[in-house]
Amino acid sequence: MNLVEYEVKERVGYITLNRPDKRNALSHELVAELTQNFGKAEGDATAKVVVLKANGESFCAGADLAYLQQLQNFSYEENLADSNHLKDLFLKIYSLKKVVIAQVQGHALAGGCGLATVCDFVFAVPEAKFGYTEVKIGFIPALVAVFLVRKIGEQKARQLLLTGEIIKAEEALNRGLISFVVNSDSLGISVYDFAQRLISSNSAQSMELTKQLIADMQALPLEDALNLAATMNAKARGTDDCKKGISAFLNKQELRW
């Protein structure tokens, strides 16, 4: 059985966690398969938007028990290699050239909450709970902290990371952690409709460059960030999509991407 499933439907690439008996807990193998499948989706010309979802009741419960037991015997070098293994996944999702939507049908905790955090948009059911619970077991939410501070700001991130509190979807929405709260019976169609709006209304090249700009500018001083923006602006103007879009606008033509 594959730990991760991949399929494309109507220009949406679906990456599905398929370890429901373990609440889709993260193992070394599952992380490897996720990284591989995001790479596959990025290079798949038939998929313009990517959706990360899960089978079973939980979205992802974080690290599994077998993994936590193994940690006790790891050397520093082994722990560093394993940390980089997860880092590569988070960075791959965050910097993917395509928009990534998390479809959260159940609890997303610890590393599972990290998976949702690095996605561009998060749809969740009201019953879903979110939390970075690492501090409760003597661990730290190290990798996700880098992305969470970028996403919701330092003070809000401190509240979640230092307390380890578990919050419901509505509270996660209020804190800027997720994007939409949708009833379970309409979750799939809501994500699909949103993805189709992006697919039909927006240029793939424009979304890719915008994602790159957002990711790269945050660590730069103001003038350097503006120089980057000017460079990206000039680059975007030379793309085929920009030429096509401006031509359609000037000629009052309806444009569907």
C-alpha atoms as a PDB file:
ATOM      1  CA  MET A   1       0.000   0.000   0.000  1.00  0.00           C
ATOM      2  CA  ASN A   2       1.304   3.437  -0.914  1.00  0.00           C
ATOM      3  CA  LEU A   3       1.593   5.808   2.031  1.00  0.00           C
ATOM      4  CA  VAL A   4       0.787   8.672  -0.332  1.00  0.00           C
ATOM      5  CA  GLU A   5      -1.591   8.645  -3.308  1.00  0.00           C
ATOM      6  CA  TYR A   6      -1.395  10.954  -6.311  1.00  0.00           C
ATOM      7  CA  GLU A   7      -3.944  11.697  -9.021  1.00  0.00           C
ATOM      8  CA  VAL A   8      -4.994  14.562 -11.264  1.00  0.00           C
ATOM      9  CA  LYS A   9      -8.600  15.579 -11.839  1.00  0.00           C
ATOM     10  CA  GLU A  10      -9.502  18.516 -14.066  1.00  0.00           C
ATOM     11  CA  ARG A  11      -6.115  20.227 -13.671  1.00  0.00           C
ATOM     12  CA  VAL A  12      -6.000  19.714  -9.893  1.00  0.00           C
ATOM     13  CA  GLY A  13      -3.256  17.474  -8.553  1.00  0.00           C
ATOM     14  CA  TYR A  14      -4.391  15.639  -5.416  1.00  0.00           C
ATOM     15  CA  ILE A  15      -1.749  14.392  -2.976  1.00  0.00           C
ATOM     16  CA  THR A  16      -3.390  12.214  -0.334  1.00  0.00           C
ATOM     17  CA  LEU A  17      -1.956  10.954   2.941  1.00  0.00           C
ATOM     18  CA  ASN A  18      -2.878   7.288   3.041  1.00  0.00           C
ATOM     19  CA  ARG A  19      -2.031   5.988   6.483  1.00  0.00           C
ATOM     20  CA  PRO A  20      -5.445   6.241   8.149  1.00  0.00           C
ATOM     21  CA  ASP A  21      -4.847   3.411  10.621  1.00  0.00           C
ATOM     22  CA  LYS A  22      -2.022   5.495  12.134  1.00  0.00           C
ATOM     23  CA  ARG A  23      -3.924   8.799  11.851  1.00  0.00           C
ATOM     24  CA  ASN A  24      -1.586   9.633   8.968  1.00  0.00           C
ATOM     25  CA  ALA A  25       1.273  10.042  11.427  1.00  0.00           C
ATOM     26  CA  LEU A  26       4.587  11.106   9.934  1.00  0.00           C
ATOM     27  CA  SER A  27       7.202   8.405   9.500  1.00  0.00           C
ATOM     28  CA  HIS A  28      10.495   8.707   7.632  1.00  0.00           C
ATOM     29  CA  GLU A  29       8.958   6.814   4.728  1.00  0.00           C
ATOM     30  CA  LEU A  30       5.817   8.945   4.618  1.00  0.00           C
ATOM     31  CA  VAL A  31       7.845  12.153   4.577  1.00  0.00           C
ATOM     32  CA  ALA A  32       9.950  10.749   1.734  1.00  0.00           C
ATOM     33  CA  GLU A  33       6.859   9.825  -0.303  1.00  0.00           C
ATOM     34  CA  LEU A  34       5.303  13.248   0.292  1.00  0.00           C
ATOM     35  CA  THR A  35       8.453  15.016  -0.894  1.00  0.00           C
ATOM     36  CA  GLN A  36       8.582  12.793  -3.967  1.00  0.00           C
ATOM     37  CA  ASN A  37       4.937  13.397  -4.829  1.00  0.00           C
ATOM     38  CA  PHE A  38       5.158  17.164  -4.437  1.00  0.00           C
ATOM     39  CA  GLY A  39       8.088  17.061  -6.833  1.00  0.00           C
ATOM     40  CA  LYS A  40       5.977  14.988  -9.194  1.00  0.00           C
ATOM     41  CA  ALA A  41       3.075  17.439  -8.983  1.00  0.00           C
ATOM     42  CA  GLU A  42       5.361  20.401  -9.589  1.00  0.00           C
ATOM     43  CA  GLY A  43       6.583  18.886 -12.845  1.00  0.00           C
ATOM     44  CA  ASP A  44       3.163  17.645 -13.969  1.00  0.00           C
ATOM     45  CA  ALA A  45       1.911  19.889 -16.784  1.00  0.00           C
ATOM     46  CA  THR A  46      -1.636  18.537 -16.341  1.00  0.00           C
ATOM     47  CA  ALA A  47      -1.854  19.873 -12.747  1.00  0.00           C
ATOM     48  CA  LYS A  48      -2.060  23.646 -12.290  1.00  0.00           C
ATOM     49  CA  VAL A  49      -3.039  23.662  -8.590  1.00  0.00           C
ATOM     50  CA  VAL A  50      -2.130  21.102  -5.917  1.00  0.00           C
ATOM     51  CA  VAL A  51      -4.368  19.897  -3.057  1.00  0.00           C
ATOM     52  CA  LEU A  52      -2.979  18.117   0.002  1.00  0.00           C
ATOM     53  CA  LYS A  53      -5.586  15.968   1.727  1.00  0.00           C
ATOM     54  CA  ALA A  54      -5.848  12.805   3.806  1.00  0.00           C
ATOM     55  CA  ASN A  55      -7.778   9.559   4.100  1.00  0.00           C
ATOM     56  CA  GLY A  56      -9.399   8.648   7.409  1.00  0.00           C
ATOM     57  CA  GLU A  57     -10.611  10.692  10.362  1.00  0.00           C
ATOM     58  CA  SER A  58      -7.376  12.601  11.062  1.00  0.00           C
ATOM     59  CA  PHE A  59      -5.500  14.888   8.711  1.00  0.00           C
ATOM     60  CA  CYS A  60      -2.156  14.174  10.391  1.00  0.00           C
ATOM     61  CA  ALA A  61      -1.326  13.454  14.029  1.00  0.00           C
ATOM     62  CA  GLY A  62       2.349  14.399  13.814  1.00  0.00           C
ATOM     63  CA  ALA A  63       5.173  11.934  14.409  1.00  0.00           C
ATOM     64  CA  ASP A  64       4.172   8.321  15.031  1.00  0.00           C
ATOM     65  CA  LEU A  65       5.050   6.377  18.181  1.00  0.00           C
ATOM     66  CA  ALA A  66       7.611   4.146  16.500  1.00  0.00           C
ATOM     67  CA  TYR A  67       9.439   7.228  15.256  1.00  0.00           C
ATOM     68  CA  LEU A  68       9.418   8.819  18.710  1.00  0.00           C
ATOM     69  CA  GLN A  69      10.853   5.641  20.189  1.00  0.00           C
ATOM     70  CA  GLN A  70      13.646   5.614  17.603  1.00  0.00           C
ATOM     71  CA  LEU A  71      14.553   9.198  18.468  1.00  0.00           C
ATOM     72  CA  GLN A  72      15.711   8.109  21.911  1.00  0.00           C
ATOM     73  CA  ASN A  73      18.576   6.154  20.352  1.00  0.00           C
ATOM     74  CA  PHE A  74      19.586   8.605  17.628  1.00  0.00           C
ATOM     75  CA  SER A  75      23.000  10.266  17.627  1.00  0.00           C
ATOM     76  CA  TYR A  76      23.250  14.013  16.994  1.00  0.00           C
ATOM     77  CA  GLU A  77      24.242  13.329  13.385  1.00  0.00           C
ATOM     78  CA  GLU A  78      21.249  11.026  12.890  1.00  0.00           C
ATOM     79  CA  ASN A  79      18.899  13.587  14.413  1.00  0.00           C
ATOM     80  CA  LEU A  80      20.293  16.322  12.186  1.00  0.00           C
ATOM     81  CA  ALA A  81      19.855  14.184   9.072  1.00  0.00           C
ATOM     82  CA  ASP A  82      16.296  13.346  10.083  1.00  0.00           C
ATOM     83  CA  SER A  83      15.510  17.012  10.796  1.00  0.00           C
ATOM     84  CA  ASN A  84      16.810  17.953   7.359  1.00  0.00           C
ATOM     85  CA  HIS A  85      14.602  15.231   5.874  1.00  0.00           C
ATOM     86  CA  LEU A  86      11.494  16.981   7.237  1.00  0.00           C
ATOM     87  CA  LYS A  87      12.927  20.410   6.450  1.00  0.00           C
ATOM     88  CA  ASP A  88      13.212  19.423   2.793  1.00  0.00           C
ATOM     89  CA  LEU A  89       9.509  18.510   2.738  1.00  0.00           C
ATOM     90  CA  PHE A  90       8.327  21.735   4.389  1.00  0.00           C
ATOM     91  CA  LEU A  91      10.525  23.836   2.115  1.00  0.00           C
ATOM     92  CA  LYS A  92       9.349  21.920  -0.955  1.00  0.00           C
ATOM     93  CA  ILE A  93       5.692  22.617  -0.157  1.00  0.00           C
ATOM     94  CA  TYR A  94       6.280  26.250   0.835  1.00  0.00           C
ATOM     95  CA  SER A  95       8.339  27.067  -2.263  1.00  0.00           C
ATOM     96  CA  LEU A  96       6.426  24.906  -4.752  1.00  0.00           C
ATOM     97  CA  LYS A  97       5.923  26.685  -8.065  1.00  0.00           C
ATOM     98  CA  LYS A  98       2.206  25.899  -7.888  1.00  0.00           C
ATOM     99  CA  VAL A  99      -0.434  26.963  -5.374  1.00  0.00           C
ATOM    100  CA  VAL A 100      -0.941  24.365  -2.631  1.00  0.00           C
ATOM    101  CA  ILE A 101      -4.278  24.026  -0.818  1.00  0.00           C
ATOM    102  CA  ALA A 102      -4.621  21.939   2.346  1.00  0.00           C
ATOM    103  CA  GLN A 103      -7.960  20.143   2.678  1.00  0.00           C
ATOM    104  CA  VAL A 104      -8.143  19.404   6.407  1.00  0.00           C
ATOM    105  CA  GLN A 105     -10.951  17.000   7.275  1.00  0.00           C
ATOM    106  CA  GLY A 106      -9.706  16.158  10.791  1.00  0.00           C
ATOM    107  CA  HIS A 107      -7.169  17.048  13.459  1.00  0.00           C
ATOM    108  CA  ALA A 108      -3.804  18.495  12.380  1.00  0.00           C
ATOM    109  CA  LEU A 109      -1.380  18.351  15.295  1.00  0.00           C
ATOM    110  CA  ALA A 110       2.355  18.908  15.801  1.00  0.00           C
ATOM    111  CA  GLY A 111       4.062  17.983  12.509  1.00  0.00           C
ATOM    112  CA  GLY A 112       0.618  17.592  10.953  1.00  0.00           C
ATOM    113  CA  CYS A 113      -0.161  21.188  11.852  1.00  0.00           C
ATOM    114  CA  GLY A 114       3.181  22.042  10.289  1.00  0.00           C
ATOM    115  CA  LEU A 115       2.066  20.468   7.018  1.00  0.00           C
ATOM    116  CA  ALA A 116      -0.998  22.705   6.936  1.00  0.00           C
ATOM    117  CA  THR A 117       1.032  25.758   7.922  1.00  0.00           C
ATOM    118  CA  VAL A 118       3.326  25.623   4.894  1.00  0.00           C
ATOM    119  CA  CYS A 119       0.444  25.416   2.409  1.00  0.00           C
ATOM    120  CA  ASP A 120      -0.779  28.564   0.658  1.00  0.00           C
ATOM    121  CA  PHE A 121      -4.419  28.090   1.662  1.00  0.00           C
ATOM    122  CA  VAL A 122      -6.068  25.891   4.294  1.00  0.00           C
ATOM    123  CA  PHE A 123      -9.695  24.730   4.228  1.00  0.00           C
ATOM    124  CA  ALA A 124     -10.819  22.963   7.411  1.00  0.00           C
ATOM    125  CA  VAL A 125     -13.969  21.493   8.876  1.00  0.00           C
ATOM    126  CA  PRO A 126     -15.303  23.086  12.108  1.00  0.00           C
ATOM    127  CA  GLU A 127     -14.434  19.957  14.103  1.00  0.00           C
ATOM    128  CA  ALA A 128     -10.761  20.001  13.134  1.00  0.00           C
ATOM    129  CA  LYS A 129      -8.261  20.949  15.815  1.00  0.00           C
ATOM    130  CA  PHE A 130      -4.853  22.498  15.350  1.00  0.00           C
ATOM    131  CA  GLY A 131      -1.855  22.761  17.626  1.00  0.00           C
ATOM    132  CA  TYR A 132       1.904  22.662  17.916  1.00  0.00           C
ATOM    133  CA  THR A 133       2.117  20.360  20.907  1.00  0.00           C
ATOM    134  CA  GLU A 134       5.861  19.648  20.824  1.00  0.00           C
ATOM    135  CA  VAL A 135       6.643  21.561  24.044  1.00  0.00           C
ATOM    136  CA  LYS A 136       4.371  19.220  25.977  1.00  0.00           C
ATOM    137  CA  ILE A 137       6.711  16.261  25.365  1.00  0.00           C
ATOM    138  CA  GLY A 138      10.021  18.061  25.775  1.00  0.00           C
ATOM    139  CA  PHE A 139      10.459  18.670  22.060  1.00  0.00           C
ATOM    140  CA  ILE A 140      10.440  21.952  20.108  1.00  0.00           C
ATOM    141  CA  PRO A 141       8.433  23.026  17.030  1.00  0.00           C
ATOM    142  CA  ALA A 142      11.663  24.138  15.397  1.00  0.00           C
ATOM    143  CA  LEU A 143      11.091  23.871  11.659  1.00  0.00           C
ATOM    144  CA  VAL A 144       7.499  25.038  11.597  1.00  0.00           C
ATOM    145  CA  ALA A 145       8.357  28.068  13.749  1.00  0.00           C
ATOM    146  CA  VAL A 146      10.256  29.574  10.814  1.00  0.00           C
ATOM    147  CA  PHE A 147       7.171  29.401   8.607  1.00  0.00           C
ATOM    148  CA  LEU A 148       4.591  30.217  11.278  1.00  0.00           C
ATOM    149  CA  VAL A 149       6.254  33.502  12.274  1.00  0.00           C
ATOM    150  CA  ARG A 150       6.228  34.484   8.601  1.00  0.00           C
ATOM    151  CA  LYS A 151       2.580  33.508   8.292  1.00  0.00           C
ATOM    152  CA  ILE A 152       0.921  35.051  11.355  1.00  0.00           C
ATOM    153  CA  GLY A 153       3.585  37.200  13.016  1.00  0.00           C
ATOM    154  CA  GLU A 154       5.791  36.721  16.046  1.00  0.00           C
ATOM    155  CA  GLN A 155       3.327  37.434  18.864  1.00  0.00           C
ATOM    156  CA  LYS A 156       0.588  35.126  17.586  1.00  0.00           C
ATOM    157  CA  ALA A 157       3.180  32.471  16.855  1.00  0.00           C
ATOM    158  CA  ARG A 158       4.573  32.745  20.386  1.00  0.00           C
ATOM    159  CA  GLN A 159       1.122  32.096  21.839  1.00  0.00           C
ATOM    160  CA  LEU A 160       0.744  28.879  19.883  1.00  0.00           C
ATOM    161  CA  LEU A 161       4.309  27.572  19.995  1.00  0.00           C
ATOM    162  CA  LEU A 162       5.090  28.290  23.652  1.00  0.00           C
ATOM    163  CA  THR A 163       1.772  27.140  25.107  1.00  0.00           C
ATOM    164  CA  GLY A 164       1.274  24.084  22.911  1.00  0.00           C
ATOM    165  CA  GLU A 165      -2.451  24.778  23.124  1.00  0.00           C
ATOM    166  CA  ILE A 166      -4.866  22.991  20.824  1.00  0.00           C
ATOM    167  CA  ILE A 167      -7.407  25.238  19.129  1.00  0.00           C
ATOM    168  CA  LYS A 168     -10.521  24.615  17.063  1.00  0.00           C
ATOM    169  CA  ALA A 169     -10.816  25.566  13.406  1.00  0.00           C
ATOM    170  CA  GLU A 170     -12.737  28.789  14.042  1.00  0.00           C
ATOM    171  CA  GLU A 171     -10.038  30.016  16.418  1.00  0.00           C
ATOM    172  CA  ALA A 172      -7.355  28.970  13.941  1.00  0.00           C
ATOM    173  CA  LEU A 173      -9.176  31.077  11.347  1.00  0.00           C
ATOM    174  CA  ASN A 174      -9.292  34.081  13.679  1.00  0.00           C
ATOM    175  CA  ARG A 175      -5.551  33.819  14.317  1.00  0.00           C
ATOM    176  CA  GLY A 176      -4.714  33.662  10.632  1.00  0.00           C
ATOM    177  CA  LEU A 177      -3.496  30.079  10.724  1.00  0.00           C
ATOM    178  CA  ILE A 178      -6.067  28.797   8.230  1.00  0.00           C
ATOM    179  CA  SER A 179      -8.051  30.386   5.409  1.00  0.00           C
ATOM    180  CA  PHE A 180     -11.594  28.966   5.449  1.00  0.00           C
ATOM    181  CA  VAL A 181     -13.866  26.898   7.694  1.00  0.00           C
ATOM    182  CA  VAL A 182     -16.265  24.692   5.720  1.00  0.00           C
ATOM    183  CA  ASN A 183     -18.789  22.040   6.795  1.00  0.00           C
ATOM    184  CA  SER A 184     -17.585  18.495   6.214  1.00  0.00           C
ATOM    185  CA  ASP A 185     -20.290  17.686   3.661  1.00  0.00           C
ATOM    186  CA  SER A 186     -19.085  20.505   1.399  1.00  0.00           C
ATOM    187  CA  LEU A 187     -15.343  20.471   2.114  1.00  0.00           C
ATOM    188  CA  GLY A 188     -14.280  18.631  -1.031  1.00  0.00           C
ATOM    189  CA  ILE A 189     -16.440  20.656  -3.402  1.00  0.00           C
ATOM    190  CA  SER A 190     -15.424  23.943  -1.744  1.00  0.00           C
ATOM    191  CA  VAL A 191     -11.746  23.150  -2.256  1.00  0.00           C
ATOM    192  CA  TYR A 192     -12.428  22.011  -5.814  1.00  0.00           C
ATOM    193  CA  ASP A 193     -14.400  25.170  -6.677  1.00  0.00           C
ATOM    194  CA  PHE A 194     -11.700  27.388  -5.181  1.00  0.00           C
ATOM    195  CA  ALA A 195      -9.004  25.541  -7.113  1.00  0.00           C
ATOM    196  CA  GLN A 196     -10.980  25.866 -10.338  1.00  0.00           C
ATOM    197  CA  ARG A 197     -11.347  29.622  -9.826  1.00  0.00           C
ATOM    198  CA  LEU A 198      -7.584  29.921  -9.522  1.00  0.00           C
ATOM    199  CA  ILE A 199      -7.077  27.693 -12.538  1.00  0.00           C
ATOM    200  CA  SER A 200      -9.471  29.543 -14.830  1.00  0.00           C
ATOM    201  CA  SER A 201      -8.896  33.110 -13.626  1.00  0.00           C
ATOM    202  CA  ASN A 202      -5.170  33.339 -12.908  1.00  0.00           C
ATOM    203  CA  SER A 203      -1.989  32.933 -14.889  1.00  0.00           C
ATOM    204  CA  ALA A 204       0.157  30.022 -13.700  1.00  0.00           C
ATOM    205  CA  GLN A 205       3.328  32.034 -14.378  1.00  0.00           C
ATOM    206  CA  SER A 206       1.982  34.977 -12.393  1.00  0.00           C
ATOM    207  CA  MET A 207       1.073  32.828  -9.381  1.00  0.00           C
ATOM    208  CA  GLU A 208       4.504  31.172  -9.480  1.00  0.00           C
ATOM    209  CA  LEU A 209       6.356  34.495  -9.560  1.00  0.00           C
ATOM    210  CA  THR A 210       4.110  35.997  -6.869  1.00  0.00           C
ATOM    211  CA  LYS A 211       4.786  33.039  -4.559  1.00  0.00           C
ATOM    212  CA  GLN A 212       8.514  33.412  -5.171  1.00  0.00           C
ATOM    213  CA  LEU A 213       8.392  37.140  -4.421  1.00  0.00           C
ATOM    214  CA  ILE A 214       6.475  36.635  -1.162  1.00  0.00           C
ATOM    215  CA  ALA A 215       8.927  33.968  -0.011  1.00  0.00           C
ATOM    216  CA  ASP A 216      12.105  35.837  -0.952  1.00  0.00           C
ATOM    217  CA  MET A 217      11.347  39.410   0.066  1.00  0.00           C
ATOM    218  CA  GLN A 218      10.655  38.908   3.769  1.00  0.00           C
ATOM    219  CA  ALA A 219      14.253  38.484   4.894  1.00  0.00           C
ATOM    220  CA  LEU A 220      15.501  41.497   2.912  1.00  0.00           C
ATOM    221  CA  PRO A 221      15.978  45.126   3.982  1.00  0.00           C
ATOM    222  CA  LEU A 222      13.379  47.483   2.515  1.00  0.00           C
ATOM    223  CA  GLU A 223      15.450  48.775  -0.392  1.00  0.00           C
ATOM    224  CA  ASP A 224      16.685  45.284  -1.291  1.00  0.00           C
ATOM    225  CA  ALA A 225      13.096  44.001  -1.182  1.00  0.00           C
ATOM    226  CA  LEU A 226      11.983  46.799  -3.503  1.00  0.00           C
ATOM    227  CA  ASN A 227      14.864  46.065  -5.878  1.00  0.00           C
ATOM    228  CA  LEU A 228      13.806  42.417  -5.907  1.00  0.00           C
ATOM    229  CA  ALA A 229      10.214  43.472  -6.603  1.00  0.00           C
ATOM    230  CA  ALA A 230      11.312  45.689  -9.491  1.00  0.00           C
ATOM    231  CA  THR A 231      13.372  42.846 -10.953  1.00  0.00           C
ATOM    232  CA  MET A 232      10.488  40.395 -10.634  1.00  0.00           C
ATOM    233  CA  ASN A 233       8.128  42.966 -12.152  1.00  0.00           C
ATOM    234  CA  ALA A 234      10.355  43.323 -15.200  1.00  0.00           C
ATOM    235  CA  LYS A 235      10.698  39.555 -15.468  1.00  0.00           C
ATOM    236  CA  ALA A 236       6.922  39.081 -15.311  1.00  0.00           C
ATOM    237  CA  ARG A 237       6.333  41.614 -18.077  1.00  0.00           C
ATOM    238  CA  GLY A 238       8.398  39.483 -20.444  1.00  0.00           C
ATOM    239  CA  THR A 239       6.443  36.282 -19.902  1.00  0.00           C
ATOM    240  CA  ASP A 240       4.083  34.840 -22.485  1.00  0.00           C
ATOM    241  CA  ASP A 241       1.235  34.943 -19.971  1.00  0.00           C
ATOM    242  CA  CYS A 242       1.651  38.676 -19.392  1.00  0.00           C
ATOM    243  CA  LYS A 243       1.671  39.413 -23.120  1.00  0.00           C
ATOM    244  CA  LYS A 244      -1.384  37.233 -23.588  1.00  0.00           C
ATOM    245  CA  GLY A 245      -3.209  38.830 -20.646  1.00  0.00           C
ATOM    246  CA  ILE A 246      -2.521  42.424 -21.697  1.00  0.00           C
ATOM    247  CA  SER A 247      -3.580  41.681 -25.261  1.00  0.00           C
ATOM    248  CA  ALA A 248      -6.874  40.164 -24.077  1.00  0.00           C
ATOM    249  CA  PHE A 249      -7.486  43.140 -21.742  1.00  0.00           C
ATOM    250  CA  LEU A 250      -6.827  45.731 -24.446  1.00  0.00           C
ATOM    251  CA  ASN A 251      -9.024  43.907 -26.932  1.00  0.00           C
ATOM    252  CA  LYS A 252     -11.778  43.343 -24.377  1.00  0.00           C
ATOM    253  CA  GLN A 253     -11.543  39.597 -24.831  1.00  0.00           C
ATOM    254  CA  GLU A 254     -12.581  37.102 -22.176  1.00  0.00           C
ATOM    255  CA  LEU A 255      -9.552  35.224 -20.964  1.00  0.00           C
ATOM    256  CA  ARG A 256      -9.611  31.762 -19.448  1.00  0.00           C
ATOM    257  CA  TRP A 257      -6.307  30.291 -18.418  1.00  0.00           C
END
